[in-house]
Protein backbone atom coordinates (compact mmCIF):
# COMPACT_ATOMS: atom_id res chain seq x y z
CA MET A 1 -16.92 14.16 -16.40
CA ASN A 2 -14.70 11.17 -16.66
CA ASN A 3 -16.11 7.51 -16.82
CA LEU A 4 -15.13 5.13 -14.51
CA SER A 5 -15.39 2.17 -17.13
CA THR A 6 -13.39 3.99 -19.67
CA GLY A 7 -9.79 3.22 -20.26
CA LEU A 8 -7.00 5.99 -19.84
CA THR A 9 -3.34 5.88 -21.83
CA PHE A 10 -0.80 7.38 -19.97
CA LYS A 11 2.10 9.92 -21.83
CA ARG A 12 4.45 6.97 -21.71
CA GLY A 13 1.88 4.57 -23.47
CA LEU A 14 0.85 2.63 -20.83
CA GLN A 15 -3.00 1.69 -21.02
CA LEU A 16 -5.33 1.51 -17.55
CA LYS A 17 -8.71 -0.39 -18.90
CA ASN A 18 -10.71 1.79 -16.44
CA ARG A 19 -10.31 4.42 -13.74
CA LEU A 20 -9.98 2.73 -10.82
CA VAL A 21 -6.92 2.48 -8.88
CA VAL A 22 -5.85 0.63 -5.61
CA ALA A 23 -4.53 3.08 -3.14
CA PRO A 24 -1.19 2.48 -1.79
CA MET A 25 -1.76 0.99 2.16
CA THR A 26 0.65 -0.14 4.32
CA THR A 27 0.32 -3.84 5.04
CA LYS A 28 3.17 -4.94 7.34
CA MET A 29 3.20 -8.31 6.22
CA SER A 30 6.66 -8.31 4.92
CA PHE A 31 9.77 -10.65 6.59
CA PHE A 32 11.79 -8.17 9.06
CA ASP A 33 14.67 -7.77 6.48
CA GLY A 34 11.87 -6.59 3.40
CA VAL A 35 11.43 -9.82 1.86
CA ILE A 36 7.92 -10.29 0.74
CA THR A 37 5.72 -13.10 2.31
CA ASN A 38 3.23 -15.80 0.72
CA ASP A 39 0.55 -13.99 2.67
CA GLU A 40 1.37 -10.44 1.47
CA ILE A 41 1.05 -11.81 -2.09
CA ASP A 42 -2.15 -13.43 -1.03
CA TYR A 43 -3.58 -10.16 0.23
CA TYR A 44 -2.80 -8.47 -2.89
CA ALA A 45 -3.87 -11.38 -4.98
CA LEU A 46 -7.49 -11.11 -3.72
CA ARG A 47 -8.07 -7.65 -4.41
CA THR A 48 -6.77 -7.32 -8.06
CA GLY A 49 -8.01 -8.07 -11.34
CA GLU A 50 -11.03 -5.77 -11.45
CA VAL A 51 -9.14 -2.59 -11.27
CA GLY A 52 -7.09 -0.48 -13.63
CA ALA A 53 -4.11 -0.34 -11.59
CA PHE A 54 -3.02 -1.44 -8.01
CA ILE A 55 -0.25 0.90 -6.11
CA THR A 56 1.62 -1.07 -3.80
CA ALA A 57 2.58 -0.48 -0.09
CA ALA A 58 5.76 1.90 0.37
CA ALA A 59 8.89 0.08 -0.45
CA ASN A 60 12.18 1.59 0.82
CA VAL A 61 14.87 2.54 -1.36
CA HIS A 62 17.60 2.48 1.48
CA GLU A 63 18.09 0.44 4.53
CA GLU A 64 18.40 3.66 6.63
CA GLY A 65 15.28 4.40 4.94
CA LYS A 66 13.09 1.89 6.65
CA GLY A 67 10.05 3.43 8.60
CA TRP A 68 8.61 0.41 10.41
CA ASP A 69 8.83 -3.70 10.35
CA GLY A 70 7.16 -5.64 8.07
CA GLU A 71 7.94 -3.39 5.27
CA LEU A 72 8.77 -4.04 1.58
CA GLY A 73 12.36 -3.55 0.63
CA VAL A 74 13.72 -2.33 -2.60
CA TYR A 75 17.17 -1.15 -1.87
CA ASP A 76 19.07 -4.32 -2.97
CA ASP A 77 19.05 -6.86 -5.91
CA ARG A 78 18.13 -9.61 -3.65
CA PHE A 79 14.30 -8.34 -3.17
CA ILE A 80 13.89 -8.62 -7.07
CA PRO A 81 12.71 -12.40 -7.23
CA GLY A 82 10.26 -11.64 -4.51
CA LEU A 83 9.04 -8.29 -6.23
CA SER A 84 8.68 -10.19 -9.41
CA LYS A 85 6.22 -12.67 -7.67
CA LEU A 86 4.13 -9.47 -5.99
CA ALA A 87 3.86 -7.92 -9.92
CA ALA A 88 3.01 -11.16 -11.30
CA ALA A 89 0.04 -11.53 -8.81
CA ILE A 90 -1.27 -8.15 -9.19
CA LYS A 91 -1.10 -8.29 -13.24
CA LYS A 92 -4.20 -10.58 -13.48
CA ASN A 93 -6.63 -9.56 -15.97
CA HIS A 94 -4.70 -6.30 -17.29
CA THR A 95 -4.62 -4.62 -13.79
CA LYS A 96 -1.22 -2.51 -13.88
CA ALA A 97 1.41 -3.05 -11.19
CA ILE A 98 2.56 0.13 -9.69
CA LEU A 99 5.42 0.19 -7.17
CA GLN A 100 5.67 2.87 -4.48
CA ILE A 101 8.81 3.72 -3.69
CA PHE A 102 10.09 6.22 -0.48
CA HIS A 103 12.34 6.52 2.05
CA ALA A 104 11.23 7.23 5.79
CA GLY A 105 13.65 10.11 6.66
CA ARG A 106 12.71 11.32 10.51
CA MET A 107 9.34 9.40 10.57
CA THR A 108 11.14 6.16 11.95
CA ASP A 109 13.32 5.29 14.89
CA SER A 110 16.45 4.02 16.25
CA LYS A 111 14.68 0.70 17.17
CA VAL A 112 13.79 0.06 13.70
CA LEU A 113 16.62 0.94 12.36
CA HIS A 114 18.57 -1.35 14.58
CA GLY A 115 20.39 1.30 16.24
CA LEU A 116 20.93 3.61 13.75
CA GLN A 117 19.67 7.50 14.32
CA PRO A 118 17.28 8.45 11.79
CA VAL A 119 18.44 10.95 9.18
CA ALA A 120 16.30 13.83 7.59
CA PRO A 121 17.17 17.45 5.81
CA SER A 122 17.61 18.98 9.16
CA ALA A 123 18.24 17.53 13.20
CA VAL A 124 14.52 18.70 13.91
CA ALA A 125 12.21 15.95 14.99
CA ALA A 126 8.74 15.64 13.96
CA GLU A 127 5.75 16.64 15.70
CA ARG A 128 4.62 13.31 17.21
CA PRO A 129 4.52 11.68 20.26
CA ASP A 130 8.33 10.22 21.19
CA ALA A 131 9.80 11.38 18.05
CA GLN A 132 13.46 11.11 17.88
CA ILE A 133 15.76 13.95 16.79
CA PRO A 134 16.98 12.81 13.36
CA ARG A 135 20.83 13.63 12.10
CA GLU A 136 21.00 15.85 9.78
CA LEU A 137 22.03 14.31 5.93
CA THR A 138 25.25 15.52 4.41
CA GLU A 139 25.32 16.35 0.80
CA GLU A 140 27.13 13.29 -0.09
CA GLU A 141 24.14 11.41 1.68
CA ILE A 142 21.78 13.24 -0.15
CA TRP A 143 23.16 12.78 -3.17
CA GLY A 144 23.44 8.82 -2.18
CA ILE A 145 19.87 8.49 -1.53
CA LEU A 146 18.97 10.43 -4.90
CA GLU A 147 20.72 7.55 -6.34
CA SER A 148 19.13 5.03 -4.08
CA PHE A 149 16.17 5.82 -5.61
CA LYS A 150 17.22 5.32 -9.11
CA LYS A 151 18.51 1.95 -8.39
CA ALA A 152 15.03 1.28 -7.05
CA THR A 153 13.46 2.07 -10.12
CA GLU A 154 15.76 0.06 -12.17
CA ARG A 155 15.03 -3.10 -9.77
CA ALA A 156 11.05 -2.24 -10.47
CA ILE A 157 11.47 -2.42 -14.14
CA LYS A 158 13.89 -5.60 -13.68
CA ALA A 159 10.99 -7.19 -11.36
CA GLY A 160 7.95 -6.84 -14.22
CA PHE A 161 6.20 -3.72 -12.78
CA ASP A 162 4.24 -1.29 -15.10
CA GLY A 163 5.62 1.68 -13.23
CA VAL A 164 6.64 3.57 -9.64
CA GLU A 165 5.45 6.01 -7.69
CA ILE A 166 7.74 8.46 -5.98
CA HIS A 167 6.02 8.88 -2.45
CA GLY A 168 6.38 12.39 -1.60
CA ALA A 169 3.76 12.50 0.64
CA ASN A 170 2.67 11.73 4.21
CA THR A 171 5.43 13.59 6.17
CA TYR A 172 8.49 11.16 4.85
CA LEU A 173 11.54 12.27 3.68
CA ILE A 174 10.78 13.76 0.24
CA GLN A 175 8.33 16.42 1.77
CA GLN A 176 10.68 16.91 4.43
CA PHE A 177 13.01 18.35 2.10
CA PHE A 178 10.15 20.57 0.55
CA SER A 179 8.91 21.55 4.27
CA PRO A 180 9.93 24.55 6.35
CA HIS A 181 9.52 22.64 9.43
CA SER A 182 11.60 19.67 8.40
CA ASN A 183 14.04 21.47 6.24
CA ARG A 184 16.10 24.12 8.26
CA ARG A 185 19.27 24.00 5.99
CA THR A 186 21.30 27.26 4.80
CA ASP A 187 22.80 25.41 1.69
CA ASP A 188 21.58 24.97 -1.48
CA TRP A 189 19.24 21.94 -0.14
CA GLY A 190 17.31 24.37 2.07
CA GLY A 191 16.23 27.83 2.85
CA SER A 192 13.74 29.09 -0.14
CA LEU A 193 11.25 27.57 -1.58
CA GLU A 194 13.08 27.32 -4.64
CA LYS A 195 16.07 25.76 -2.51
CA ARG A 196 13.47 23.15 -0.70
CA VAL A 197 12.32 22.04 -3.72
CA ARG A 198 15.66 20.99 -5.27
CA PHE A 199 15.70 17.20 -3.79
CA ILE A 200 12.35 16.72 -5.42
CA ASN A 201 13.88 18.39 -8.91
CA GLU A 202 16.71 16.08 -8.89
CA LEU A 203 14.54 12.88 -7.57
CA VAL A 204 12.19 13.17 -10.27
CA ASP A 205 14.70 14.23 -13.43
CA GLY A 206 16.85 11.36 -12.25
CA VAL A 207 13.85 8.81 -12.01
CA THR A 208 12.40 9.51 -15.16
CA GLU A 209 15.91 9.53 -16.90
CA VAL A 210 16.31 6.22 -15.42
CA VAL A 211 13.03 4.93 -17.12
CA ASP A 212 13.67 6.79 -20.63
CA GLN A 213 17.33 5.36 -20.75
CA SER A 214 16.20 1.89 -19.77
CA GLY A 215 14.68 1.23 -23.34
CA VAL A 216 11.49 -0.17 -21.00
CA LYS A 217 8.07 0.12 -23.02
CA ASP A 218 4.71 1.58 -21.33
CA PHE A 219 6.26 2.07 -17.84
CA VAL A 220 5.22 5.20 -15.73
CA VAL A 221 6.21 7.48 -13.27
CA GLY A 222 4.13 9.03 -10.67
CA TYR A 223 4.39 11.43 -7.90
CA ARG A 224 2.06 11.63 -4.69
CA PHE A 225 1.63 14.38 -2.40
CA SER A 226 0.28 15.81 0.70
CA PRO A 227 -1.31 19.30 0.17
CA GLU A 228 -0.80 20.96 3.64
CA GLU A 229 1.13 20.71 6.80
CA TYR A 230 -0.49 21.66 10.43
CA GLU A 231 2.99 22.73 11.77
CA GLU A 232 4.12 26.02 11.84
CA PRO A 233 5.91 26.53 9.97
CA GLY A 234 4.89 23.92 7.66
CA ILE A 235 3.58 23.69 3.84
CA ARG A 236 0.53 25.70 2.73
CA LEU A 237 -1.53 25.12 -0.30
CA SER A 238 0.39 27.88 -2.00
CA ASP A 239 3.57 26.18 -1.66
CA THR A 240 1.99 23.18 -3.13
CA LEU A 241 0.48 24.85 -6.18
CA PHE A 242 4.17 26.52 -6.85
CA LEU A 243 5.25 22.38 -6.44
CA VAL A 244 2.16 21.12 -8.52
CA ASP A 245 2.79 23.66 -11.46
CA LEU A 246 6.51 22.74 -10.99
CA LEU A 247 5.70 18.61 -11.49
CA SER A 248 3.26 19.36 -14.19
CA LYS A 249 5.99 20.43 -16.49
CA LYS A 250 8.19 17.27 -15.69
CA PRO A 251 8.34 13.86 -17.74
CA LEU A 252 5.66 12.52 -15.21
CA ASP A 253 2.49 10.33 -16.07
CA TYR A 254 0.41 11.41 -13.21
CA LEU A 255 0.11 13.05 -9.62
CA HIS A 256 -1.33 11.37 -7.12
CA LEU A 257 -3.08 13.68 -4.27
CA SER A 258 -2.93 12.36 -0.39
CA VAL A 259 -5.97 13.44 1.78
CA ASN A 260 -8.06 11.40 3.77
CA ASN A 261 -11.52 12.97 2.53
CA TYR A 262 -11.50 14.14 -0.86
CA ARG A 263 -14.05 16.58 0.13
CA ASN A 264 -11.66 18.49 2.10
CA HIS A 265 -11.02 22.12 2.08
CA SER A 266 -7.98 24.01 3.07
CA VAL A 267 -6.93 25.41 6.10
CA SER A 268 -4.92 28.36 4.23
CA ASP A 269 -6.82 32.00 3.93
CA GLY A 270 -7.52 32.39 0.27
CA PHE A 271 -8.27 28.68 -0.47
CA LYS A 272 -11.37 27.97 1.45
CA GLU A 273 -13.79 28.41 -1.46
CA LYS A 274 -13.90 25.06 -2.94
CA PRO A 275 -12.05 21.84 -2.13
CA ILE A 276 -8.48 21.20 -2.33
CA ILE A 277 -8.55 18.88 -5.04
CA GLU A 278 -10.30 21.79 -7.46
CA TYR A 279 -7.51 24.01 -6.72
CA ILE A 280 -5.11 21.24 -7.70
CA LYS A 281 -6.90 20.13 -11.14
CA GLU A 282 -6.62 24.25 -11.67
CA THR A 283 -2.94 24.28 -11.55
CA ILE A 284 -2.41 21.16 -13.24
CA LYS A 285 -4.37 22.32 -16.32
CA ASP A 286 -4.81 18.85 -17.90
CA ARG A 287 -1.00 18.95 -18.48
CA LEU A 288 -0.75 15.33 -16.29
CA PRO A 289 -3.58 13.16 -14.91
CA LEU A 290 -4.75 13.36 -11.40
CA ILE A 291 -5.79 10.72 -9.23
CA GLY A 292 -8.42 11.53 -6.15
CA VAL A 293 -8.50 10.09 -3.24
CA GLY A 294 -9.97 9.89 0.19
CA ASP A 295 -12.95 8.18 1.87
CA VAL A 296 -14.37 6.65 -1.33
CA ARG A 297 -16.99 4.14 -0.25
CA ASN A 298 -19.22 3.53 -3.22
CA GLY A 299 -19.43 4.58 -6.64
CA VAL A 300 -21.37 7.86 -5.98
CA ASP A 301 -18.49 8.95 -4.29
CA ALA A 302 -15.84 7.62 -6.93
CA LYS A 303 -18.27 9.67 -9.89
CA GLU A 304 -18.00 12.88 -7.82
CA ILE A 305 -14.28 12.49 -7.97
CA LEU A 306 -14.01 12.01 -11.28
CA ALA A 307 -15.98 15.13 -11.71
CA THR A 308 -12.82 16.56 -11.16
CA ALA A 309 -10.09 14.16 -11.14
CA ASP A 310 -9.02 11.54 -13.94
CA LEU A 311 -8.58 8.62 -11.79
CA VAL A 312 -9.93 7.59 -8.22
CA ALA A 313 -7.70 5.82 -5.61
CA VAL A 314 -9.66 3.44 -3.19
CA GLY A 315 -8.49 2.57 0.15
CA ARG A 316 -9.98 1.05 2.89
CA ALA A 317 -13.27 0.27 1.08
CA MET A 318 -11.18 -2.44 -0.71
CA LEU A 319 -9.90 -3.77 2.68
CA ILE A 320 -13.42 -4.85 3.35
CA ASP A 321 -14.62 -5.64 0.05
CA PRO A 322 -11.90 -7.23 -2.27
CA HIS A 323 -14.72 -7.01 -4.95
CA TRP A 324 -15.64 -3.50 -4.43
CA ALA A 325 -14.71 -2.48 -7.86
CA GLN A 326 -16.42 -4.85 -10.07
CA LYS A 327 -19.67 -4.03 -7.92
CA VAL A 328 -19.28 -0.51 -8.49
CA LEU A 329 -18.36 -0.79 -12.17
CA ASP A 330 -21.66 -2.84 -12.51
CA GLY A 331 -23.50 0.08 -10.88
CA GLN A 332 -24.50 -2.36 -7.84
CA ASP A 333 -23.40 -0.21 -4.95
CA HIS A 334 -26.21 -2.12 -2.74
CA LEU A 335 -24.28 -5.30 -3.03
CA ILE A 336 -21.07 -3.42 -1.42
CA ARG A 337 -19.93 -5.34 1.93
CA THR A 338 -19.48 -2.51 4.59
CA GLU A 339 -19.30 -4.19 7.89
CA LEU A 340 -16.67 -6.97 9.16
CA SER A 341 -16.77 -9.42 11.97
CA HIS A 342 -13.35 -10.56 13.51
CA TYR A 343 -13.91 -13.83 12.01
CA ASP A 344 -13.44 -12.21 8.60
CA GLN A 345 -9.66 -11.36 9.06
CA GLU A 346 -8.38 -14.62 7.77
CA ASP A 347 -10.61 -14.68 4.70
CA LEU A 348 -9.70 -11.28 3.85
CA ARG A 349 -5.97 -12.12 3.83
CA ILE A 350 -5.33 -8.73 6.20
CA SER A 351 -2.70 -8.64 8.88
CA ASN A 352 -3.03 -7.71 12.21
CA GLY A 353 -1.16 -4.63 11.31
CA VAL A 354 -3.91 -3.84 8.60
CA TRP A 355 -6.47 -4.99 10.88
CA GLY A 356 -5.55 -2.46 13.70
CA PHE A 357 -5.48 0.25 11.47
CA LEU A 358 -9.35 -0.32 10.28
CA GLU A 359 -10.38 -0.36 13.90
CA GLY A 360 -8.90 2.80 14.53
CA MET A 361 -10.11 4.46 11.30
CA MET A 362 -13.51 2.91 10.79
CA PRO A 363 -14.79 1.27 14.30
CA GLU A 364 -18.33 1.54 12.80
CA ARG A 365 -17.62 -1.12 10.27
CA LEU A 366 -16.40 -3.46 12.70
CA LYS A 367 -18.65 -5.70 14.55
């Protein structure tokens, strides 16, 4: 089993001082146009320095890929100065800064996009309340979006980040291309499993090529994915294991599982004997490090994940206790803060959007 306090060196040479990572969490703290705010800088600065790496909230790579108001932007050079401040704020005491890059696809609406219709692989609405029917992307637009991920990676390098994480999870555009629910195309970008994975193939190859040709040192590329969908038809664990095997052969530095609880078992027949994370790890076969995540509350949880994974991502616990990591590393779980009052919101640099998330997900911790 990996030890929380031991370091890890990725393929591209980047070294983490320990096995703890702050998970990417939506903050909704940027300006309306995607420029980072001082309040958001303070939010990140308060929670860094103790963990090995900090993965930012999602930054949209294309103006038409914005998922919500208050979201980071990385689709234009004008964002580089603000992103540079963010990277510098995170890189305290040798913590590494990783920018998560994404496109919302159909998981947005015309209000957020100022009147534009959302786009997706196919004109199929998401199965959620008030979901709008997206416009199907043309092939020219698909190549344009792939190019926007490459440009975003170049900006992350210029801004001083230590890596990018491709956000292929949580039903956003990248996952939409892989999903048989959102991708009903009959051209070379959809249909069979092999065709539905083409967008991911092109995307990963494009982003890693940008990094390797840039001359930047110790800059990593990770990929985050969700293992299953509940839609019918939808992604099943067998599909994801196909994807994981494919990605494990790519010049990536890590894979990052996205689940709400690391103990989760699959809903698919044939994969119910053990937690999903174990099937994922077996498929990777140690070709890439795996980040485990999901309802990590203390050191016991973190160590349990490290029995299977190589790194532990922590989300909500870091919102409540910005010094959670050091307490865990010191073996002082009893000192971890687990409850909040509404008077703590300002001291913890938590925005109304994040506070609402905490209220919805963890009401037992708010007093």
